[in-house]
Amino acid sequence: MYIPQVKAKGILLRWGQFRFMYNYAIFYIGAIQLVLIAAVAYNTTMQPWVAQYLGWNIHFWQYCVVLGAILVVGMVLEFTFGVPALIAVSNEQMYKHASPIKLDFVEVKSKQTELEEKLNKIMKHMGIEEKGE
């Protein structure tokens, strides 16, 4: 299904710039939130529940190790599957929306075609045939 998109300019471009920078800042915001939520969850939920129902006394550092292991597994999965998908979508979007790279590529392609035509004329004039034909 094709959903048309608009060319970003004006306020839409500024909104995109804000979201772009916010995506980079969210890493730091998320790290702070993770530490605070982990501490609250440990004190109010996890430690009392594990002690009551499983009979284990989990220390905070052990809880952090388990959380860290979960984060590492999540990062490996994201690196393996998520990043390639995001790059593919990003490349598709950049190509569709007249990115400077696409415009440069189109210009280079047209110059290459022009040079190939000139080269073929020169080779024909000199009586040189291409090898492999």
C-alpha atoms as a PDB file:
ATOM      1  CA  MET A   1       0.000   0.000   0.000  1.00  0.00           C
ATOM      2  CA  TYR A   2       1.401   3.357  -1.002  1.00  0.00           C
ATOM      3  CA  ILE A   3       0.872   6.356   1.250  1.00  0.00           C
ATOM      4  CA  PRO A   4       2.048   9.636  -0.304  1.00  0.00           C
ATOM      5  CA  GLN A   5       4.386  11.847   1.698  1.00  0.00           C
ATOM      6  CA  VAL A   6       4.977  15.574   1.520  1.00  0.00           C
ATOM      7  CA  LYS A   7       8.296  17.317   0.968  1.00  0.00           C
ATOM      8  CA  ALA A   8       9.525  18.620   4.316  1.00  0.00           C
ATOM      9  CA  LYS A   9       9.959  22.404   4.412  1.00  0.00           C
ATOM     10  CA  GLY A  10       9.162  25.261   6.749  1.00  0.00           C
ATOM     11  CA  ILE A  11       7.681  24.226  10.096  1.00  0.00           C
ATOM     12  CA  LEU A  12       7.665  20.574   9.030  1.00  0.00           C
ATOM     13  CA  LEU A  13      11.425  20.720   8.471  1.00  0.00           C
ATOM     14  CA  ARG A  14      11.925  22.315  11.915  1.00  0.00           C
ATOM     15  CA  TRP A  15       9.762  19.581  13.477  1.00  0.00           C
ATOM     16  CA  GLY A  16      11.945  16.971  11.779  1.00  0.00           C
ATOM     17  CA  GLN A  17      15.090  18.660  13.104  1.00  0.00           C
ATOM     18  CA  PHE A  18      13.665  18.660  16.623  1.00  0.00           C
ATOM     19  CA  ARG A  19      12.736  14.980  16.404  1.00  0.00           C
ATOM     20  CA  PHE A  20      16.163  14.162  14.965  1.00  0.00           C
ATOM     21  CA  MET A  21      17.959  15.760  17.917  1.00  0.00           C
ATOM     22  CA  TYR A  22      15.455  14.358  20.416  1.00  0.00           C
ATOM     23  CA  ASN A  23      16.262  10.854  19.165  1.00  0.00           C
ATOM     24  CA  TYR A  24      19.892  11.409  20.143  1.00  0.00           C
ATOM     25  CA  ALA A  25      19.026  12.989  23.502  1.00  0.00           C
ATOM     26  CA  ILE A  26      16.597  10.221  24.441  1.00  0.00           C
ATOM     27  CA  PHE A  27      19.523   7.875  25.091  1.00  0.00           C
ATOM     28  CA  TYR A  28      20.616   9.989  28.053  1.00  0.00           C
ATOM     29  CA  ILE A  29      17.072  10.547  29.264  1.00  0.00           C
ATOM     30  CA  GLY A  30      16.393   6.811  29.033  1.00  0.00           C
ATOM     31  CA  ALA A  31      19.561   5.932  30.968  1.00  0.00           C
ATOM     32  CA  ILE A  32      18.556   8.217  33.840  1.00  0.00           C
ATOM     33  CA  GLN A  33      15.017   6.821  33.826  1.00  0.00           C
ATOM     34  CA  LEU A  34      16.307   3.247  33.826  1.00  0.00           C
ATOM     35  CA  VAL A  35      18.451   3.788  36.904  1.00  0.00           C
ATOM     36  CA  LEU A  36      15.663   5.518  38.813  1.00  0.00           C
ATOM     37  CA  ILE A  37      12.965   3.021  37.846  1.00  0.00           C
ATOM     38  CA  ALA A  38      15.259   0.069  38.572  1.00  0.00           C
ATOM     39  CA  ALA A  39      15.943   1.390  42.083  1.00  0.00           C
ATOM     40  CA  VAL A  40      12.248   1.959  42.775  1.00  0.00           C
ATOM     41  CA  ALA A  41      11.236  -1.423  41.338  1.00  0.00           C
ATOM     42  CA  TYR A  42      13.897  -3.179  43.406  1.00  0.00           C
ATOM     43  CA  ASN A  43      12.866  -1.553  46.681  1.00  0.00           C
ATOM     44  CA  THR A  44       9.102  -1.674  46.258  1.00  0.00           C
ATOM     45  CA  THR A  45       8.466  -4.794  44.199  1.00  0.00           C
ATOM     46  CA  MET A  46      11.247  -7.165  43.250  1.00  0.00           C
ATOM     47  CA  GLN A  47      13.208  -7.599  46.458  1.00  0.00           C
ATOM     48  CA  PRO A  48      10.148  -8.036  48.732  1.00  0.00           C
ATOM     49  CA  TRP A  49       8.414 -10.380  46.247  1.00  0.00           C
ATOM     50  CA  VAL A  50      11.461 -12.593  45.708  1.00  0.00           C
ATOM     51  CA  ALA A  51      12.134 -12.724  49.450  1.00  0.00           C
ATOM     52  CA  GLN A  52       8.524 -13.585  50.283  1.00  0.00           C
ATOM     53  CA  TYR A  53       7.685 -16.115  47.546  1.00  0.00           C
ATOM     54  CA  LEU A  54      11.050 -17.617  46.617  1.00  0.00           C
ATOM     55  CA  GLY A  55      12.837 -17.198  49.916  1.00  0.00           C
ATOM     56  CA  TRP A  56      15.848 -15.537  48.323  1.00  0.00           C
ATOM     57  CA  ASN A  57      17.445 -12.327  49.463  1.00  0.00           C
ATOM     58  CA  ILE A  58      18.543 -10.641  46.255  1.00  0.00           C
ATOM     59  CA  HIS A  59      21.037  -7.831  46.680  1.00  0.00           C
ATOM     60  CA  PHE A  60      20.786  -4.696  44.563  1.00  0.00           C
ATOM     61  CA  TRP A  61      23.992  -5.488  42.678  1.00  0.00           C
ATOM     62  CA  GLN A  62      22.594  -8.898  41.691  1.00  0.00           C
ATOM     63  CA  TYR A  63      19.428  -7.238  40.479  1.00  0.00           C
ATOM     64  CA  CYS A  64      21.536  -4.808  38.423  1.00  0.00           C
ATOM     65  CA  VAL A  65      23.527  -7.689  36.879  1.00  0.00           C
ATOM     66  CA  VAL A  66      20.290  -9.363  35.756  1.00  0.00           C
ATOM     67  CA  LEU A  67      19.003  -6.077  34.316  1.00  0.00           C
ATOM     68  CA  GLY A  68      22.338  -5.520  32.585  1.00  0.00           C
ATOM     69  CA  ALA A  69      22.213  -9.004  31.043  1.00  0.00           C
ATOM     70  CA  ILE A  70      18.685  -8.328  29.767  1.00  0.00           C
ATOM     71  CA  LEU A  71      19.877  -5.033  28.281  1.00  0.00           C
ATOM     72  CA  VAL A  72      22.844  -6.683  26.550  1.00  0.00           C
ATOM     73  CA  VAL A  73      20.634  -9.379  25.025  1.00  0.00           C
ATOM     74  CA  GLY A  74      18.206  -6.694  23.863  1.00  0.00           C
ATOM     75  CA  MET A  75      21.029  -4.662  22.327  1.00  0.00           C
ATOM     76  CA  VAL A  76      22.406  -7.698  20.483  1.00  0.00           C
ATOM     77  CA  LEU A  77      18.947  -8.481  19.096  1.00  0.00           C
ATOM     78  CA  GLU A  78      18.459  -4.845  18.087  1.00  0.00           C
ATOM     79  CA  PHE A  79      21.883  -4.740  16.410  1.00  0.00           C
ATOM     80  CA  THR A  80      21.195  -8.004  14.588  1.00  0.00           C
ATOM     81  CA  PHE A  81      17.650  -7.318  13.401  1.00  0.00           C
ATOM     82  CA  GLY A  82      16.547  -3.756  14.143  1.00  0.00           C
ATOM     83  CA  VAL A  83      19.465  -1.711  12.821  1.00  0.00           C
ATOM     84  CA  PRO A  84      19.539  -3.308   9.334  1.00  0.00           C
ATOM     85  CA  ALA A  85      15.780  -2.762   9.002  1.00  0.00           C
ATOM     86  CA  LEU A  86      16.053   0.890  10.091  1.00  0.00           C
ATOM     87  CA  ILE A  87      18.923   1.528   7.687  1.00  0.00           C
ATOM     88  CA  ALA A  88      16.971  -0.040   4.815  1.00  0.00           C
ATOM     89  CA  VAL A  89      13.923   2.133   5.534  1.00  0.00           C
ATOM     90  CA  SER A  90      16.087   5.232   5.997  1.00  0.00           C
ATOM     91  CA  ASN A  91      17.847   4.623   2.676  1.00  0.00           C
ATOM     92  CA  GLU A  92      14.513   4.167   0.925  1.00  0.00           C
ATOM     93  CA  GLN A  93      13.155   7.395   2.430  1.00  0.00           C
ATOM     94  CA  MET A  94      16.285   9.364   1.548  1.00  0.00           C
ATOM     95  CA  TYR A  95      16.147   8.136  -2.025  1.00  0.00           C
ATOM     96  CA  LYS A  96      12.450   8.960  -2.429  1.00  0.00           C
ATOM     97  CA  HIS A  97      12.661  12.477  -1.023  1.00  0.00           C
ATOM     98  CA  ALA A  98      15.322  14.065  -3.222  1.00  0.00           C
ATOM     99  CA  SER A  99      18.227  13.840  -0.833  1.00  0.00           C
ATOM    100  CA  PRO A 100      21.447  15.598  -1.866  1.00  0.00           C
ATOM    101  CA  ILE A 101      23.080  12.184  -2.308  1.00  0.00           C
ATOM    102  CA  LYS A 102      20.390  11.119  -4.787  1.00  0.00           C
ATOM    103  CA  LEU A 103      20.649  14.397  -6.678  1.00  0.00           C
ATOM    104  CA  ASP A 104      24.438  14.013  -6.876  1.00  0.00           C
ATOM    105  CA  PHE A 105      24.009  10.426  -8.050  1.00  0.00           C
ATOM    106  CA  VAL A 106      21.591  11.465 -10.812  1.00  0.00           C
ATOM    107  CA  GLU A 107      24.031  14.171 -11.953  1.00  0.00           C
ATOM    108  CA  VAL A 108      26.980  11.749 -11.970  1.00  0.00           C
ATOM    109  CA  LYS A 109      24.901   9.157 -13.830  1.00  0.00           C
ATOM    110  CA  SER A 110      23.956  11.675 -16.535  1.00  0.00           C
ATOM    111  CA  LYS A 111      27.580  12.799 -16.909  1.00  0.00           C
ATOM    112  CA  GLN A 112      28.676   9.167 -17.119  1.00  0.00           C
ATOM    113  CA  THR A 113      26.175   8.508 -19.916  1.00  0.00           C
ATOM    114  CA  GLU A 114      27.373  11.619 -21.741  1.00  0.00           C
ATOM    115  CA  LEU A 115      31.022  10.547 -21.395  1.00  0.00           C
ATOM    116  CA  GLU A 116      30.222   7.020 -22.593  1.00  0.00           C
ATOM    117  CA  GLU A 117      28.563   8.450 -25.708  1.00  0.00           C
ATOM    118  CA  LYS A 118      31.598  10.655 -26.397  1.00  0.00           C
ATOM    119  CA  LEU A 119      33.958   7.733 -25.827  1.00  0.00           C
ATOM    120  CA  ASN A 120      31.967   5.539 -28.207  1.00  0.00           C
ATOM    121  CA  LYS A 121      32.155   8.266 -30.890  1.00  0.00           C
ATOM    122  CA  ILE A 122      35.917   8.587 -30.417  1.00  0.00           C
ATOM    123  CA  MET A 123      36.401   4.812 -30.517  1.00  0.00           C
ATOM    124  CA  LYS A 124      34.231   4.537 -33.642  1.00  0.00           C
ATOM    125  CA  HIS A 125      36.153   7.366 -35.308  1.00  0.00           C
ATOM    126  CA  MET A 126      39.474   5.642 -34.476  1.00  0.00           C
ATOM    127  CA  GLY A 127      38.160   2.246 -35.566  1.00  0.00           C
ATOM    128  CA  ILE A 128      38.574   0.661 -32.135  1.00  0.00           C
ATOM    129  CA  GLU A 129      36.114  -1.997 -31.099  1.00  0.00           C
ATOM    130  CA  GLU A 130      35.336  -2.794 -27.484  1.00  0.00           C
ATOM    131  CA  LYS A 131      36.679  -6.091 -26.249  1.00  0.00           C
ATOM    132  CA  GLY A 132      34.088  -8.586 -25.155  1.00  0.00           C
ATOM    133  CA  GLU A 133      31.507  -7.686 -27.813  1.00  0.00           C
END
